[in-house]
Protein backbone atom coordinates (compact mmCIF):
# COMPACT_ATOMS: atom_id res chain seq x y z
CA MET A 1 9.31 90.58 -48.92
CA GLY A 2 11.21 91.64 -46.70
CA TYR A 3 14.70 92.62 -46.74
CA ALA A 4 17.39 92.58 -44.24
CA ASP A 5 19.77 96.52 -43.75
CA ASP A 6 22.75 95.02 -45.54
CA MET A 7 21.04 95.56 -48.70
CA SER A 8 21.25 99.09 -48.27
CA LEU A 9 24.57 99.85 -50.74
CA ALA A 10 25.07 103.37 -48.81
CA ALA A 11 25.53 101.72 -45.91
CA GLN A 12 28.45 99.57 -47.69
CA GLY A 13 30.18 102.76 -48.22
CA TRP A 14 28.83 103.54 -51.47
CA ASP A 15 28.70 106.90 -52.74
CA GLN A 16 25.37 108.73 -52.15
CA PRO A 17 23.76 111.14 -54.45
CA ASP A 18 22.29 114.29 -53.64
CA ALA A 19 18.99 114.10 -56.14
CA VAL A 20 18.57 111.37 -58.81
CA ARG A 21 16.29 112.65 -61.70
CA VAL A 22 13.81 109.95 -63.31
CA ARG A 23 11.85 110.51 -65.85
CA VAL A 24 8.39 108.31 -66.56
CA PRO A 25 6.14 107.85 -69.77
CA GLY A 26 2.01 107.56 -69.68
CA LYS A 27 0.27 104.65 -71.20
CA ILE A 28 -2.78 103.96 -73.43
CA ASN A 29 -4.29 101.07 -73.51
CA LEU A 30 -5.03 99.57 -77.11
CA ALA A 31 -7.17 96.46 -75.59
CA LEU A 32 -9.18 97.43 -72.12
CA LEU A 33 -11.07 93.88 -71.94
CA VAL A 34 -12.75 93.94 -68.61
CA GLY A 35 -13.92 90.39 -66.76
CA PRO A 36 -16.33 89.41 -63.24
CA ARG A 37 -14.86 91.65 -60.71
CA GLY A 38 -13.54 89.16 -57.55
CA ASP A 39 -13.94 88.97 -53.80
CA ASP A 40 -12.03 91.34 -53.73
CA GLY A 41 -13.83 94.09 -55.24
CA TYR A 42 -10.91 94.10 -58.43
CA HIS A 43 -12.67 92.96 -61.62
CA GLU A 44 -10.44 90.14 -63.91
CA LEU A 45 -8.97 92.25 -67.16
CA ALA A 46 -6.89 91.51 -70.08
CA THR A 47 -5.48 94.69 -71.44
CA ILE A 48 -2.78 95.72 -73.93
CA PHE A 49 -0.35 98.11 -72.47
CA GLN A 50 1.76 100.59 -74.64
CA ALA A 51 3.76 103.27 -72.67
CA VAL A 52 3.65 106.87 -74.72
CA SER A 53 6.35 109.77 -75.27
CA LEU A 54 4.28 112.09 -72.45
CA PHE A 55 6.40 112.20 -70.04
CA ASP A 56 6.17 113.42 -65.80
CA GLU A 57 10.19 114.11 -64.77
CA VAL A 58 10.01 112.91 -60.96
CA THR A 59 13.07 114.38 -58.77
CA ALA A 60 14.22 113.26 -55.28
CA THR A 61 16.51 115.19 -53.80
CA LEU A 62 18.09 113.78 -50.66
CA ALA A 63 16.49 115.07 -47.11
CA PRO A 64 17.02 114.43 -43.40
CA ALA A 65 13.84 112.62 -42.01
CA ASP A 66 10.29 113.67 -43.77
CA ILE A 67 9.31 112.55 -47.61
CA THR A 68 7.83 116.10 -49.26
CA CYS A 69 6.43 116.51 -52.07
CA THR A 70 6.35 119.58 -55.02
CA MET A 71 3.99 119.48 -57.94
CA ARG A 72 4.95 120.94 -61.01
CA GLY A 73 3.72 121.21 -64.91
CA ALA A 74 0.55 121.88 -67.13
CA MET A 75 -1.60 118.69 -65.15
CA ALA A 76 -0.77 120.04 -61.61
CA THR A 77 -3.14 121.96 -60.53
CA GLY A 78 -5.47 120.29 -58.82
CA VAL A 79 -2.85 116.93 -57.10
CA GLY A 80 -2.69 116.96 -53.93
CA ALA A 81 1.13 116.35 -52.41
CA GLY A 82 0.21 115.20 -48.72
CA ILE A 83 0.19 111.33 -48.17
CA ASP A 84 -2.28 111.01 -50.24
CA ASN A 85 -0.43 111.06 -53.54
CA LEU A 86 0.51 107.98 -55.08
CA ALA A 87 4.28 108.94 -55.14
CA VAL A 88 4.43 110.27 -51.82
CA ARG A 89 2.88 106.55 -50.73
CA ALA A 90 5.34 105.12 -52.99
CA ALA A 91 8.19 106.43 -50.59
CA ASP A 92 6.93 105.78 -47.97
CA LEU A 93 6.90 101.99 -49.07
CA LEU A 94 10.39 101.51 -49.94
CA ARG A 95 11.28 104.08 -46.69
CA GLN A 96 9.74 101.10 -44.44
CA GLU A 97 10.55 97.52 -46.58
CA TYR A 98 14.23 98.38 -46.64
CA ASP A 99 14.24 100.23 -43.19
CA ILE A 100 15.99 103.62 -44.21
CA ASP A 101 16.11 106.48 -41.72
CA ALA A 102 16.66 109.42 -44.78
CA GLY A 103 14.04 111.15 -45.48
CA VAL A 104 12.93 112.13 -49.36
CA GLU A 105 12.56 116.06 -50.82
CA LEU A 106 9.73 114.86 -54.28
CA THR A 107 9.54 117.76 -57.26
CA ILE A 108 7.32 116.71 -59.14
CA ASP A 109 6.85 117.97 -63.19
CA LYS A 110 3.99 116.64 -64.66
CA SER A 111 3.01 116.61 -68.05
CA ILE A 112 0.66 113.09 -67.76
CA PRO A 113 -2.90 113.69 -66.91
CA VAL A 114 -4.18 112.76 -63.40
CA ALA A 115 -7.87 111.05 -63.78
CA GLY A 116 -7.11 111.05 -67.69
CA GLY A 117 -7.36 107.18 -68.27
CA MET A 118 -2.72 107.70 -68.39
CA ALA A 119 -2.01 106.56 -65.19
CA GLY A 120 -0.77 109.45 -64.60
CA GLY A 121 -0.40 109.19 -60.56
CA SER A 122 0.27 105.57 -60.82
CA ALA A 123 3.46 106.71 -63.41
CA ASP A 124 4.58 109.51 -60.67
CA ALA A 125 5.45 106.53 -58.09
CA ALA A 126 6.40 104.61 -60.90
CA GLY A 127 9.96 107.17 -61.02
CA THR A 128 9.17 107.95 -56.94
CA LEU A 129 10.07 103.87 -56.54
CA VAL A 130 13.06 104.37 -58.95
CA ALA A 131 14.64 107.42 -58.63
CA CYS A 132 14.56 106.79 -54.99
CA ALA A 133 16.00 103.21 -55.48
CA ARG A 134 18.76 105.37 -56.01
CA LEU A 135 19.31 108.11 -54.17
CA TRP A 136 19.18 105.65 -51.05
CA GLN A 137 21.31 103.61 -52.96
CA LEU A 138 18.97 100.31 -53.08
CA SER A 139 20.18 96.79 -54.34
CA ALA A 140 16.86 96.95 -55.63
CA ASP A 141 16.13 95.46 -59.08
CA ASP A 142 12.96 96.63 -61.43
CA ALA A 143 11.37 93.03 -60.30
CA GLU A 144 11.34 93.42 -56.68
CA LEU A 145 10.75 97.02 -57.21
CA ALA A 146 7.42 96.25 -59.46
CA GLU A 147 6.46 94.02 -57.10
CA LEU A 148 6.34 96.78 -54.90
CA GLY A 149 4.91 98.97 -56.96
CA ALA A 150 1.55 96.84 -57.42
CA ARG A 151 1.21 97.11 -53.79
CA LEU A 152 0.20 101.54 -54.80
CA GLY A 153 -1.96 100.33 -58.49
CA ALA A 154 -1.90 97.56 -60.87
CA ASP A 155 -0.43 100.17 -63.33
CA VAL A 156 2.60 100.74 -61.81
CA PRO A 157 4.65 97.82 -62.51
CA PHE A 158 3.73 98.56 -66.26
CA LEU A 159 5.54 102.05 -66.06
CA ILE A 160 8.84 101.19 -64.13
CA SER A 161 9.16 98.46 -67.52
CA GLY A 162 7.84 100.23 -70.50
CA GLY A 163 7.03 98.91 -73.99
CA CYS A 164 4.88 97.29 -74.91
CA ALA A 165 3.04 94.59 -72.71
CA LEU A 166 0.36 91.93 -71.94
CA GLY A 167 -1.35 92.95 -68.60
CA LEU A 168 -3.51 89.76 -66.73
CA GLY A 169 -5.62 90.20 -63.11
CA ARG A 170 -5.82 93.44 -62.69
CA GLY A 171 -3.35 94.81 -65.46
CA GLN A 172 -0.32 93.80 -63.01
CA ARG A 173 0.88 90.41 -64.25
CA LEU A 174 3.00 91.25 -67.07
CA THR A 175 3.87 89.84 -69.99
CA PRO A 176 6.52 91.51 -72.55
CA THR A 177 4.26 92.01 -75.89
CA LEU A 178 6.12 91.86 -79.58
CA SER A 179 5.73 94.94 -81.41
CA ARG A 180 7.08 96.21 -84.03
CA GLY A 181 7.38 100.07 -85.74
CA SER A 182 7.27 103.25 -83.37
CA TYR A 183 2.70 104.91 -83.30
CA HIS A 184 1.88 107.67 -84.02
CA TRP A 185 -0.68 108.51 -81.64
CA VAL A 186 -2.82 111.96 -81.22
CA LEU A 187 -4.25 112.28 -77.56
CA ALA A 188 -6.82 115.02 -76.79
CA MET A 189 -7.19 115.86 -73.56
CA SER A 190 -10.40 116.67 -71.31
CA ASP A 191 -9.90 119.16 -68.59
CA HIS A 192 -12.41 117.08 -66.06
CA GLY A 193 -11.21 113.85 -64.84
CA LEU A 194 -12.92 110.79 -64.74
CA SER A 195 -13.27 108.64 -60.98
CA THR A 196 -12.30 105.25 -61.99
CA PRO A 197 -13.98 103.74 -59.30
CA GLU A 198 -16.71 105.17 -60.44
CA VAL A 199 -16.99 104.45 -64.39
CA TYR A 200 -16.16 100.88 -63.57
CA ALA A 201 -19.26 100.76 -61.00
CA ARG A 202 -21.11 102.13 -64.49
CA PHE A 203 -19.35 99.19 -66.25
CA ASP A 204 -21.04 97.33 -63.88
CA HIS A 205 -24.69 99.16 -63.09
CA LEU A 206 -24.70 99.21 -66.74
CA ALA A 207 -24.00 95.20 -66.97
CA ALA A 208 -26.71 94.15 -64.62
CA GLN A 209 -29.04 96.63 -66.27
CA ALA A 210 -28.77 94.48 -69.45
CA GLY A 211 -29.15 90.93 -67.36
CA ARG A 212 -25.56 90.56 -68.58
CA THR A 213 -23.00 88.85 -66.30
CA PRO A 214 -19.27 89.67 -67.72
CA ALA A 215 -17.42 86.81 -68.65
CA SER A 216 -13.73 86.00 -68.13
CA PRO A 217 -11.65 88.26 -71.03
CA ASP A 218 -10.01 86.92 -73.95
CA LEU A 219 -6.35 87.81 -75.45
CA PRO A 220 -6.53 90.20 -77.01
CA ARG A 221 -4.53 88.53 -80.37
CA GLU A 222 -5.44 90.00 -83.51
CA LEU A 223 -4.57 93.22 -81.77
CA MET A 224 -0.91 91.26 -80.69
CA MET A 225 -0.27 89.77 -84.67
CA ALA A 226 -0.94 93.42 -85.78
CA LEU A 227 1.95 95.08 -83.20
CA ALA A 228 4.14 91.71 -83.82
CA ALA A 229 3.82 92.92 -87.57
CA GLY A 230 4.18 96.69 -87.45
CA ASN A 231 0.67 97.61 -89.47
CA PRO A 232 -0.66 99.85 -87.42
CA ARG A 233 -3.72 99.84 -89.89
CA GLU A 234 -4.70 96.60 -88.30
CA VAL A 235 -4.16 97.74 -84.98
CA GLY A 236 -6.55 101.02 -85.69
CA GLN A 237 -8.84 98.16 -86.29
CA HIS A 238 -8.39 96.49 -83.09
CA LEU A 239 -8.35 98.18 -80.43
CA VAL A 240 -11.60 98.07 -78.04
CA ASN A 241 -11.81 99.11 -74.90
CA ASP A 242 -14.64 97.10 -72.13
CA LEU A 243 -14.93 100.87 -69.46
CA GLU A 244 -16.36 103.26 -73.41
CA PRO A 245 -19.77 102.59 -72.53
CA PRO A 246 -19.92 103.84 -68.96
CA ALA A 247 -16.93 106.93 -69.44
CA PHE A 248 -19.81 107.63 -72.26
CA SER A 249 -22.80 107.34 -70.48
CA LEU A 250 -20.01 108.93 -67.77
CA ALA A 251 -19.40 112.17 -69.94
CA PRO A 252 -21.36 112.37 -73.18
CA SER A 253 -18.56 114.11 -74.87
CA LEU A 254 -16.27 111.64 -75.17
CA ARG A 255 -18.63 110.06 -77.65
CA THR A 256 -18.28 112.56 -80.30
CA LEU A 257 -15.15 114.48 -79.64
CA LEU A 258 -14.86 109.88 -81.36
CA GLY A 259 -16.68 110.65 -83.90
CA VAL A 260 -15.23 113.55 -85.36
CA GLY A 261 -11.38 111.97 -85.23
CA ARG A 262 -12.56 109.55 -86.86
CA ARG A 263 -14.47 111.40 -89.57
CA ALA A 264 -10.67 113.62 -89.83
CA GLY A 265 -8.50 110.09 -90.08
CA ALA A 266 -6.99 108.06 -87.56
CA LEU A 267 -6.82 105.32 -88.50
CA GLY A 268 -8.88 103.95 -85.16
CA GLY A 269 -9.32 105.56 -81.44
CA LEU A 270 -10.62 104.45 -78.30
CA VAL A 271 -10.53 106.01 -75.02
CA SER A 272 -7.65 105.53 -72.55
CA GLY A 273 -8.12 103.42 -69.90
CA SER A 274 -11.14 104.99 -67.51
CA GLY A 275 -11.04 107.67 -69.56
CA PRO A 276 -11.26 110.93 -70.34
CA THR A 277 -8.29 110.79 -72.34
CA VAL A 278 -8.96 108.90 -76.18
CA ALA A 279 -6.15 108.23 -77.65
CA PHE A 280 -6.63 108.83 -81.61
CA LEU A 281 -4.02 106.07 -84.19
CA ALA A 282 -1.94 108.11 -87.68
CA CYS A 283 -0.72 106.39 -90.19
CA ASP A 284 3.17 108.11 -89.04
CA GLU A 285 4.33 111.79 -87.81
CA ASP A 286 2.45 113.77 -90.59
CA SER A 287 -1.30 112.68 -90.47
CA ALA A 288 -0.62 112.83 -87.06
CA THR A 289 0.19 116.57 -87.07
CA ASN A 290 -2.70 117.24 -89.30
CA LEU A 291 -5.14 115.12 -87.49
CA ALA A 292 -3.75 117.20 -83.81
CA LEU A 293 -4.93 120.02 -85.85
CA GLU A 294 -7.86 119.39 -87.17
CA LEU A 295 -9.20 118.17 -84.03
CA SER A 296 -7.93 120.92 -83.07
CA SER A 297 -9.67 123.47 -85.14
CA GLN A 298 -12.97 122.47 -84.48
CA GLY A 299 -12.22 122.43 -80.18
CA VAL A 300 -13.61 119.54 -78.86
CA ALA A 301 -10.35 118.45 -76.47
CA HIS A 302 -9.10 120.86 -73.44
CA GLN A 303 -5.50 120.10 -75.12
CA ILE A 304 -3.93 117.92 -78.32
CA ARG A 305 -0.79 116.02 -78.11
CA ILE A 306 1.13 114.12 -80.45
CA VAL A 307 3.35 111.36 -78.31
CA THR A 308 4.22 107.93 -80.08
CA GLY A 309 5.04 104.72 -78.82
CA PRO A 310 5.99 102.38 -77.95
CA VAL A 311 9.48 104.18 -75.21
CA PRO A 312 10.71 102.68 -72.11
CA GLY A 313 9.97 102.58 -68.69
CA ALA A 314 11.60 104.96 -65.75
CA THR A 315 14.32 105.90 -66.78
CA VAL A 316 17.17 107.60 -64.43
CA ILE A 317 18.05 110.50 -66.52
């Protein structure tokens, strides 16, 4: 995908802002069905994403030439701000694709955990693409930004659009999914991350041990029907994640945590993505509050958060 210089609206005389702030959500995988690993090293997936109200904020400020990044907030500890940071890579990719000479100073206020199964790094990349496109006054729509984002990570395109969607392939081929109503979640977060590649490697190891070759994943039709009907109890019964066994193998305490939440009244629960964040579904706001209090009293998680979904994707604020 190539772009001509005239794709920059700033070059055509449009007013250019000094800074742009974007709010971007985290995600929960309500279903994550894992198939065989392809020649490219990635597994075939069928997943249902839901964007939830745990947000990072990305502020992009115009700079002369360089790309710099400052991480702040509750989940910023230990997150690098160099070229390995997905937000920095996103800004650099956008600048190269549109042949932009300007730089950007990124400031990211983090509430979404990185290596937590909620796409914290991908959220920052999605927010950066949207913020820098507006800052540099590029005529790039969400579809074009999502295409670029897919080069950075399979979750990035979804976090640009948000809402609720079916993801196929590596998760980047998106189809919006009908979802009625609002869903109340209690997130139990760990202070230790799980490496996504390590979890997938353990998935392959466990499959080989069992003499099993994963089949191509089916669509999670019963879950999709429950979402379309707006029935939280049915949704809770059909939550599924094929990465739970390898996540349990690497972090056995997650199995205990799931049991605690279910006994405390959750409609359902699962490890989100590759973990270790565990998401519990409650039937309403009051039930979510009571569940959060019970989990907190038992000291089974580093941090407890109550969120709702679905919410919009990366949004300029």
